[in-house]
């Protein structure tokens, strides 16, 4: 089952939160995406796609529960923590 996308508009965030989000995005991007086909290596594994659009370009970060890096998890958790704000 797919959830609707969460959109975080950085123009509405305090500067320190934007700085933290930028740091998390860069760390997750440096680790890269999992190999194609590796997103669902377990029957019940969830896969996640985070699309980052800085206004001039957009890119996707993709990981799964099975292959998730700590950097991607930190970014995902930050986003989840800001969805109710």
PDB file of N, CA and C in Angstrom:
ATOM      1  N   UNK A   1       0.850  -1.165   0.000  1.00  0.00           N
ATOM      2  CA  UNK A   1       0.000   0.000   0.000  1.00  0.00           C
ATOM      3  C   UNK A   1       0.900   1.234   0.000  1.00  0.00           C
ATOM      4  N   UNK A   2       0.567   2.167  -0.842  1.00  0.00           N
ATOM      5  CA  UNK A   2       1.340   3.385  -0.984  1.00  0.00           C
ATOM      6  C   UNK A   2       0.717   4.510  -0.169  1.00  0.00           C
ATOM      7  N   UNK A   3       1.572   5.278   0.502  1.00  0.00           N
ATOM      8  CA  UNK A   3       1.083   6.426   1.266  1.00  0.00           C
ATOM      9  C   UNK A   3       1.204   7.670   0.394  1.00  0.00           C
ATOM     10  N   UNK A   4       0.374   8.673   0.654  1.00  0.00           N
ATOM     11  CA  UNK A   4       0.505   9.908  -0.111  1.00  0.00           C
ATOM     12  C   UNK A   4       1.850  10.576   0.200  1.00  0.00           C
ATOM     13  N   UNK A   5       2.384  11.330  -0.747  1.00  0.00           N
ATOM     14  CA  UNK A   5       3.681  11.968  -0.495  1.00  0.00           C
ATOM     15  C   UNK A   5       3.598  13.022   0.602  1.00  0.00           C
ATOM     16  N   UNK A   6       4.699  13.175   1.297  1.00  0.00           N
ATOM     17  CA  UNK A   6       4.842  14.226   2.307  1.00  0.00           C
ATOM     18  C   UNK A   6       5.693  15.317   1.664  1.00  0.00           C
ATOM     19  N   UNK A   7       5.225  16.541   1.721  1.00  0.00           N
ATOM     20  CA  UNK A   7       5.969  17.653   1.150  1.00  0.00           C
ATOM     21  C   UNK A   7       6.383  18.592   2.280  1.00  0.00           C
ATOM     22  N   UNK A   8       7.665  18.865   2.336  1.00  0.00           N
ATOM     23  CA  UNK A   8       8.179  19.800   3.328  1.00  0.00           C
ATOM     24  C   UNK A   8       8.711  21.011   2.570  1.00  0.00           C
ATOM     25  N   UNK A   9       8.108  22.127   2.802  1.00  0.00           N
ATOM     26  CA  UNK A   9       8.496  23.386   2.159  1.00  0.00           C
ATOM     27  C   UNK A   9       9.508  24.082   3.063  1.00  0.00           C
ATOM     28  N   UNK A  10      10.749  24.149   2.621  1.00  0.00           N
ATOM     29  CA  UNK A  10      11.797  24.701   3.481  1.00  0.00           C
ATOM     30  C   UNK A  10      11.635  26.203   3.723  1.00  0.00           C
ATOM     31  N   UNK A  11      10.897  26.877   2.877  1.00  0.00           N
ATOM     32  CA  UNK A  11      10.673  28.317   3.087  1.00  0.00           C
ATOM     33  C   UNK A  11       9.916  28.577   4.382  1.00  0.00           C
ATOM     34  N   UNK A  12       9.216  27.555   4.880  1.00  0.00           N
ATOM     35  CA  UNK A  12       8.422  27.688   6.102  1.00  0.00           C
ATOM     36  C   UNK A  12       9.176  27.231   7.351  1.00  0.00           C
ATOM     37  N   UNK A  13      10.446  26.855   7.202  1.00  0.00           N
ATOM     38  CA  UNK A  13      11.220  26.327   8.330  1.00  0.00           C
ATOM     39  C   UNK A  13      12.222  27.348   8.843  1.00  0.00           C
ATOM     40  N   UNK A  14      12.549  27.280  10.130  1.00  0.00           N
ATOM     41  CA  UNK A  14      13.629  28.120  10.666  1.00  0.00           C
ATOM     42  C   UNK A  14      14.961  27.742  10.008  1.00  0.00           C
ATOM     43  N   UNK A  15      15.862  28.678   9.950  1.00  0.00           N
ATOM     44  CA  UNK A  15      17.158  28.483   9.292  1.00  0.00           C
ATOM     45  C   UNK A  15      17.911  27.267   9.814  1.00  0.00           C
ATOM     46  N   UNK A  16      17.909  27.064  11.137  1.00  0.00           N
ATOM     47  CA  UNK A  16      18.665  25.925  11.695  1.00  0.00           C
ATOM     48  C   UNK A  16      18.076  24.582  11.250  1.00  0.00           C
ATOM     49  N   UNK A  17      16.773  24.512  11.039  1.00  0.00           N
ATOM     50  CA  UNK A  17      16.164  23.274  10.560  1.00  0.00           C
ATOM     51  C   UNK A  17      16.488  23.034   9.086  1.00  0.00           C
ATOM     52  N   UNK A  18      16.533  24.093   8.305  1.00  0.00           N
ATOM     53  CA  UNK A  18      16.911  23.969   6.893  1.00  0.00           C
ATOM     54  C   UNK A  18      18.358  23.491   6.788  1.00  0.00           C
ATOM     55  N   UNK A  19      19.215  24.030   7.637  1.00  0.00           N
ATOM     56  CA  UNK A  19      20.621  23.618   7.658  1.00  0.00           C
ATOM     57  C   UNK A  19      20.740  22.143   8.011  1.00  0.00           C
ATOM     58  N   UNK A  20      20.002  21.698   8.999  1.00  0.00           N
ATOM     59  CA  UNK A  20      20.021  20.284   9.398  1.00  0.00           C
ATOM     60  C   UNK A  20      19.481  19.399   8.281  1.00  0.00           C
ATOM     61  N   UNK A  21      18.405  19.811   7.643  1.00  0.00           N
ATOM     62  CA  UNK A  21      17.843  19.038   6.532  1.00  0.00           C
ATOM     63  C   UNK A  21      18.848  18.940   5.392  1.00  0.00           C
ATOM     64  N   UNK A  22      19.496  20.038   5.046  1.00  0.00           N
ATOM     65  CA  UNK A  22      20.520  20.015   3.998  1.00  0.00           C
ATOM     66  C   UNK A  22      21.638  19.039   4.342  1.00  0.00           C
ATOM     67  N   UNK A  23      22.070  19.037   5.600  1.00  0.00           N
ATOM     68  CA  UNK A  23      23.134  18.130   6.035  1.00  0.00           C
ATOM     69  C   UNK A  23      22.708  16.673   5.896  1.00  0.00           C
ATOM     70  N   UNK A  24      21.476  16.384   6.308  1.00  0.00           N
ATOM     71  CA  UNK A  24      20.963  15.017   6.222  1.00  0.00           C
ATOM     72  C   UNK A  24      20.822  14.559   4.773  1.00  0.00           C
ATOM     73  N   UNK A  25      20.331  15.449   3.912  1.00  0.00           N
ATOM     74  CA  UNK A  25      20.184  15.109   2.491  1.00  0.00           C
ATOM     75  C   UNK A  25      21.551  14.801   1.884  1.00  0.00           C
ATOM     76  N   UNK A  26      22.530  15.654   2.147  1.00  0.00           N
ATOM     77  CA  UNK A  26      23.866  15.442   1.580  1.00  0.00           C
ATOM     78  C   UNK A  26      24.496  14.142   2.079  1.00  0.00           C
ATOM     79  N   UNK A  27      24.316  13.823   3.352  1.00  0.00           N
ATOM     80  CA  UNK A  27      24.865  12.580   3.901  1.00  0.00           C
ATOM     81  C   UNK A  27      24.210  11.373   3.242  1.00  0.00           C
ATOM     82  N   UNK A  28      22.890  11.403   3.089  1.00  0.00           N
ATOM     83  CA  UNK A  28      22.181  10.288   2.459  1.00  0.00           C
ATOM     84  C   UNK A  28      22.559  10.177   0.984  1.00  0.00           C
ATOM     85  N   UNK A  29      22.709  11.306   0.326  1.00  0.00           N
ATOM     86  CA  UNK A  29      23.079  11.308  -1.097  1.00  0.00           C
ATOM     87  C   UNK A  29      24.476  10.732  -1.293  1.00  0.00           C
ATOM     88  N   UNK A  30      25.408  11.068  -0.407  1.00  0.00           N
ATOM     89  CA  UNK A  30      26.776  10.556  -0.512  1.00  0.00           C
ATOM     90  C   UNK A  30      26.821   9.037  -0.412  1.00  0.00           C
ATOM     91  N   UNK A  31      25.934   8.455   0.395  1.00  0.00           N
ATOM     92  CA  UNK A  31      25.896   6.993   0.529  1.00  0.00           C
ATOM     93  C   UNK A  31      25.255   6.339  -0.683  1.00  0.00           C
ATOM     94  N   UNK A  32      24.428   7.101  -1.429  1.00  0.00           N
ATOM     95  CA  UNK A  32      23.831   6.595  -2.652  1.00  0.00           C
ATOM     96  C   UNK A  32      22.620   5.717  -2.420  1.00  0.00           C
ATOM     97  N   UNK A  33      22.073   5.277  -3.536  1.00  0.00           N
ATOM     98  CA  UNK A  33      20.903   4.409  -3.542  1.00  0.00           C
ATOM     99  C   UNK A  33      21.331   2.953  -3.521  1.00  0.00           C
ATOM    100  N   UNK A  34      20.413   2.100  -3.134  1.00  0.00           N
ATOM    101  CA  UNK A  34      20.675   0.663  -3.175  1.00  0.00           C
ATOM    102  C   UNK A  34      20.685   0.226  -4.629  1.00  0.00           C
ATOM    103  N   UNK A  35      21.280  -0.908  -4.879  1.00  0.00           N
ATOM    104  CA  UNK A  35      21.313  -1.452  -6.234  1.00  0.00           C
ATOM    105  C   UNK A  35      19.902  -1.698  -6.751  1.00  0.00           C
ATOM    106  N   UNK A  36      19.728  -1.542  -8.029  1.00  0.00           N
ATOM    107  CA  UNK A  36      18.443  -1.814  -8.661  1.00  0.00           C
ATOM    108  C   UNK A  36      18.019  -3.239  -8.352  1.00  0.00           C
ATOM    109  N   UNK A  37      16.783  -3.412  -7.983  1.00  0.00           N
ATOM    110  CA  UNK A  37      16.274  -4.729  -7.636  1.00  0.00           C
ATOM    111  C   UNK A  37      16.482  -5.082  -6.175  1.00  0.00           C
ATOM    112  N   UNK A  38      17.249  -4.283  -5.441  1.00  0.00           N
ATOM    113  CA  UNK A  38      17.538  -4.587  -4.055  1.00  0.00           C
ATOM    114  C   UNK A  38      16.585  -3.937  -3.080  1.00  0.00           C
ATOM    115  N   UNK A  39      15.598  -3.229  -3.594  1.00  0.00           N
ATOM    116  CA  UNK A  39      14.705  -2.514  -2.696  1.00  0.00           C
ATOM    117  C   UNK A  39      13.826  -3.440  -1.870  1.00  0.00           C
ATOM    118  N   UNK A  40      13.442  -4.578  -2.418  1.00  0.00           N
ATOM    119  CA  UNK A  40      12.537  -5.464  -1.701  1.00  0.00           C
ATOM    120  C   UNK A  40      13.147  -6.867  -1.657  1.00  0.00           C
ATOM    121  N   UNK A  41      14.096  -7.064  -0.777  1.00  0.00           N
ATOM    122  CA  UNK A  41      14.755  -8.350  -0.687  1.00  0.00           C
ATOM    123  C   UNK A  41      14.152  -9.241   0.392  1.00  0.00           C
ATOM    124  N   UNK A  42      13.160  -8.757   1.093  1.00  0.00           N
ATOM    125  CA  UNK A  42      12.441  -9.541   2.088  1.00  0.00           C
ATOM    126  C   UNK A  42      10.949  -9.389   1.794  1.00  0.00           C
ATOM    127  N   UNK A  43      10.158 -10.438   2.047  1.00  0.00           N
ATOM    128  CA  UNK A  43       8.733 -10.395   1.681  1.00  0.00           C
ATOM    129  C   UNK A  43       7.964  -9.198   2.231  1.00  0.00           C
ATOM    130  N   UNK A  44       8.242  -8.789   3.448  1.00  0.00           N
ATOM    131  CA  UNK A  44       7.476  -7.697   4.062  1.00  0.00           C
ATOM    132  C   UNK A  44       8.251  -6.383   4.134  1.00  0.00           C
ATOM    133  N   UNK A  45       9.365  -6.297   3.417  1.00  0.00           N
ATOM    134  CA  UNK A  45      10.186  -5.084   3.491  1.00  0.00           C
ATOM    135  C   UNK A  45       9.477  -3.914   2.821  1.00  0.00           C
ATOM    136  N   UNK A  46       9.550  -2.778   3.475  1.00  0.00           N
ATOM    137  CA  UNK A  46       9.024  -1.533   2.902  1.00  0.00           C
ATOM    138  C   UNK A  46      10.141  -0.878   2.097  1.00  0.00           C
ATOM    139  N   UNK A  47       9.771  -0.220   1.026  1.00  0.00           N
ATOM    140  CA  UNK A  47      10.746   0.576   0.287  1.00  0.00           C
ATOM    141  C   UNK A  47      10.343   2.034   0.381  1.00  0.00           C
ATOM    142  N   UNK A  48      11.323   2.913   0.305  1.00  0.00           N
ATOM    143  CA  UNK A  48      11.103   4.342   0.493  1.00  0.00           C
ATOM    144  C   UNK A  48      11.794   5.112  -0.618  1.00  0.00           C
ATOM    145  N   UNK A  49      11.139   6.142  -1.098  1.00  0.00           N
ATOM    146  CA  UNK A  49      11.725   7.060  -2.055  1.00  0.00           C
ATOM    147  C   UNK A  49      11.579   8.468  -1.490  1.00  0.00           C
ATOM    148  N   UNK A  50      12.684   9.164  -1.403  1.00  0.00           N
ATOM    149  CA  UNK A  50      12.680  10.566  -0.990  1.00  0.00           C
ATOM    150  C   UNK A  50      13.132  11.367  -2.196  1.00  0.00           C
ATOM    151  N   UNK A  51      12.261  12.248  -2.659  1.00  0.00           N
ATOM    152  CA  UNK A  51      12.588  13.114  -3.778  1.00  0.00           C
ATOM    153  C   UNK A  51      12.981  14.476  -3.227  1.00  0.00           C
ATOM    154  N   UNK A  52      14.140  14.930  -3.638  1.00  0.00           N
ATOM    155  CA  UNK A  52      14.649  16.225  -3.203  1.00  0.00           C
ATOM    156  C   UNK A  52      14.633  17.149  -4.423  1.00  0.00           C
ATOM    157  N   UNK A  53      13.978  18.297  -4.281  1.00  0.00           N
ATOM    158  CA  UNK A  53      13.910  19.286  -5.360  1.00  0.00           C
ATOM    159  C   UNK A  53      14.370  20.616  -4.793  1.00  0.00           C
ATOM    160  N   UNK A  54      15.529  21.065  -5.247  1.00  0.00           N
ATOM    161  CA  UNK A  54      16.062  22.329  -4.724  1.00  0.00           C
ATOM    162  C   UNK A  54      15.695  23.524  -5.598  1.00  0.00           C
ATOM    163  N   UNK A  55      14.786  23.324  -6.524  1.00  0.00           N
ATOM    164  CA  UNK A  55      14.347  24.406  -7.400  1.00  0.00           C
ATOM    165  C   UNK A  55      15.056  24.404  -8.735  1.00  0.00           C
ATOM    166  N   UNK A  56      16.292  23.940  -8.775  1.00  0.00           N
ATOM    167  CA  UNK A  56      17.016  23.880 -10.040  1.00  0.00           C
ATOM    168  C   UNK A  56      17.150  22.454 -10.555  1.00  0.00           C
ATOM    169  N   UNK A  57      17.080  21.493  -9.650  1.00  0.00           N
ATOM    170  CA  UNK A  57      17.152  20.082 -10.051  1.00  0.00           C
ATOM    171  C   UNK A  57      16.478  19.228  -8.985  1.00  0.00           C
ATOM    172  N   UNK A  58      16.075  18.056  -9.398  1.00  0.00           N
ATOM    173  CA  UNK A  58      15.458  17.101  -8.474  1.00  0.00           C
ATOM    174  C   UNK A  58      16.182  15.768  -8.602  1.00  0.00           C
ATOM    175  N   UNK A  59      16.251  15.035  -7.501  1.00  0.00           N
ATOM    176  CA  UNK A  59      16.815  13.700  -7.532  1.00  0.00           C
ATOM    177  C   UNK A  59      16.108  12.849  -6.491  1.00  0.00           C
ATOM    178  N   UNK A  60      16.145  11.543  -6.698  1.00  0.00           N
ATOM    179  CA  UNK A  60      15.510  10.583  -5.808  1.00  0.00           C
ATOM    180  C   UNK A  60      16.557   9.821  -5.016  1.00  0.00           C
ATOM    181  N   UNK A  61      16.234   9.567  -3.763  1.00  0.00           N
ATOM    182  CA  UNK A  61      16.997   8.663  -2.913  1.00  0.00           C
ATOM    183  C   UNK A  61      16.071   7.497  -2.611  1.00  0.00           C
ATOM    184  N   UNK A  62      16.537   6.273  -2.817  1.00  0.00           N
ATOM    185  CA  UNK A  62      15.702   5.095  -2.597  1.00  0.00           C
ATOM    186  C   UNK A  62      16.425   4.086  -1.731  1.00  0.00           C
ATOM    187  N   UNK A  63      15.698   3.548  -0.763  1.00  0.00           N
ATOM    188  CA  UNK A  63      16.236   2.511   0.119  1.00  0.00           C
ATOM    189  C   UNK A  63      15.076   1.634   0.582  1.00  0.00           C
ATOM    190  N   UNK A  64      15.403   0.539   1.236  1.00  0.00           N
ATOM    191  CA  UNK A  64      14.385  -0.335   1.808  1.00  0.00           C
ATOM    192  C   UNK A  64      14.717  -0.627   3.263  1.00  0.00           C
ATOM    193  N   UNK A  65      13.772  -1.234   3.947  1.00  0.00           N
ATOM    194  CA  UNK A  65      14.014  -1.611   5.341  1.00  0.00           C
ATOM    195  C   UNK A  65      15.239  -2.511   5.460  1.00  0.00           C
ATOM    196  N   UNK A  66      15.457  -3.361   4.481  1.00  0.00           N
ATOM    197  CA  UNK A  66      16.535  -4.349   4.542  1.00  0.00           C
ATOM    198  C   UNK A  66      17.900  -3.725   4.270  1.00  0.00           C
ATOM    199  N   UNK A  67      17.950  -2.752   3.377  1.00  0.00           N
ATOM    200  CA  UNK A  67      19.234  -2.214   2.935  1.00  0.00           C
ATOM    201  C   UNK A  67      19.471  -0.773   3.371  1.00  0.00           C
ATOM    202  N   UNK A  68      18.651  -0.238   4.259  1.00  0.00           N
ATOM    203  CA  UNK A  68      18.702   1.177   4.619  1.00  0.00           C
ATOM    204  C   UNK A  68      19.996   1.535   5.345  1.00  0.00           C
ATOM    205  N   UNK A  69      20.640   2.593   4.862  1.00  0.00           N
ATOM    206  CA  UNK A  69      21.838   3.100   5.522  1.00  0.00           C
ATOM    207  C   UNK A  69      21.423   3.960   6.719  1.00  0.00           C
ATOM    208  N   UNK A  70      22.299   4.127   7.684  1.00  0.00           N
ATOM    209  CA  UNK A  70      21.981   4.999   8.819  1.00  0.00           C
ATOM    210  C   UNK A  70      21.695   6.443   8.368  1.00  0.00           C
ATOM    211  N   UNK A  71      22.376   6.896   7.335  1.00  0.00           N
ATOM    212  CA  UNK A  71      22.180   8.258   6.841  1.00  0.00           C
ATOM    213  C   UNK A  71      20.787   8.437   6.239  1.00  0.00           C
ATOM    214  N   UNK A  72      20.331   7.443   5.465  1.00  0.00           N
ATOM    215  CA  UNK A  72      18.984   7.507   4.893  1.00  0.00           C
ATOM    216  C   UNK A  72      17.947   7.437   6.016  1.00  0.00           C
ATOM    217  N   UNK A  73      18.186   6.566   6.989  1.00  0.00           N
ATOM    218  CA  UNK A  73      17.257   6.428   8.117  1.00  0.00           C
ATOM    219  C   UNK A  73      17.137   7.746   8.882  1.00  0.00           C
ATOM    220  N   UNK A  74      18.253   8.434   9.079  1.00  0.00           N
ATOM    221  CA  UNK A  74      18.217   9.716   9.788  1.00  0.00           C
ATOM    222  C   UNK A  74      17.393  10.742   9.012  1.00  0.00           C
ATOM    223  N   UNK A  75      17.554  10.781   7.688  1.00  0.00           N
ATOM    224  CA  UNK A  75      16.775  11.696   6.856  1.00  0.00           C
ATOM    225  C   UNK A  75      15.295  11.334   6.901  1.00  0.00           C
ATOM    226  N   UNK A  76      14.988  10.058   6.764  1.00  0.00           N
ATOM    227  CA  UNK A  76      13.590   9.595   6.807  1.00  0.00           C
ATOM    228  C   UNK A  76      12.956   9.940   8.151  1.00  0.00           C
ATOM    229  N   UNK A  77      13.683   9.723   9.234  1.00  0.00           N
ATOM    230  CA  UNK A  77      13.157  10.034  10.564  1.00  0.00           C
ATOM    231  C   UNK A  77      12.938  11.534  10.749  1.00  0.00           C
ATOM    232  N   UNK A  78      13.838  12.358  10.210  1.00  0.00           N
ATOM    233  CA  UNK A  78      13.678  13.808  10.300  1.00  0.00           C
ATOM    234  C   UNK A  78      12.413  14.224   9.573  1.00  0.00           C
ATOM    235  N   UNK A  79      12.212  13.690   8.378  1.00  0.00           N
ATOM    236  CA  UNK A  79      11.017  14.010   7.601  1.00  0.00           C
ATOM    237  C   UNK A  79       9.761  13.575   8.343  1.00  0.00           C
ATOM    238  N   UNK A  80       9.761  12.356   8.861  1.00  0.00           N
ATOM    239  CA  UNK A  80       8.604  11.862   9.593  1.00  0.00           C
ATOM    240  C   UNK A  80       8.321  12.717  10.825  1.00  0.00           C
ATOM    241  N   UNK A  81       9.356  13.224  11.460  1.00  0.00           N
ATOM    242  CA  UNK A  81       9.194  14.067  12.639  1.00  0.00           C
ATOM    243  C   UNK A  81       8.668  15.460  12.317  1.00  0.00           C
ATOM    244  N   UNK A  82       8.715  15.836  11.059  1.00  0.00           N
ATOM    245  CA  UNK A  82       8.249  17.170  10.657  1.00  0.00           C
ATOM    246  C   UNK A  82       6.953  17.146   9.856  1.00  0.00           C
ATOM    247  N   UNK A  83       6.336  15.995   9.753  1.00  0.00           N
ATOM    248  CA  UNK A  83       5.098  15.913   8.964  1.00  0.00           C
ATOM    249  C   UNK A  83       3.906  16.475   9.712  1.00  0.00           C
ATOM    250  N   UNK A  84       3.977  16.539  11.017  1.00  0.00           N
ATOM    251  CA  UNK A  84       2.826  17.058  11.783  1.00  0.00           C
ATOM    252  C   UNK A  84       2.979  18.544  12.113  1.00  0.00           C
ATOM    253  N   UNK A  85       4.092  19.149  11.693  1.00  0.00           N
ATOM    254  CA  UNK A  85       4.339  20.564  12.003  1.00  0.00           C
ATOM    255  C   UNK A  85       3.686  21.458  10.967  1.00  0.00           C
TER     256      UNK A  85
END
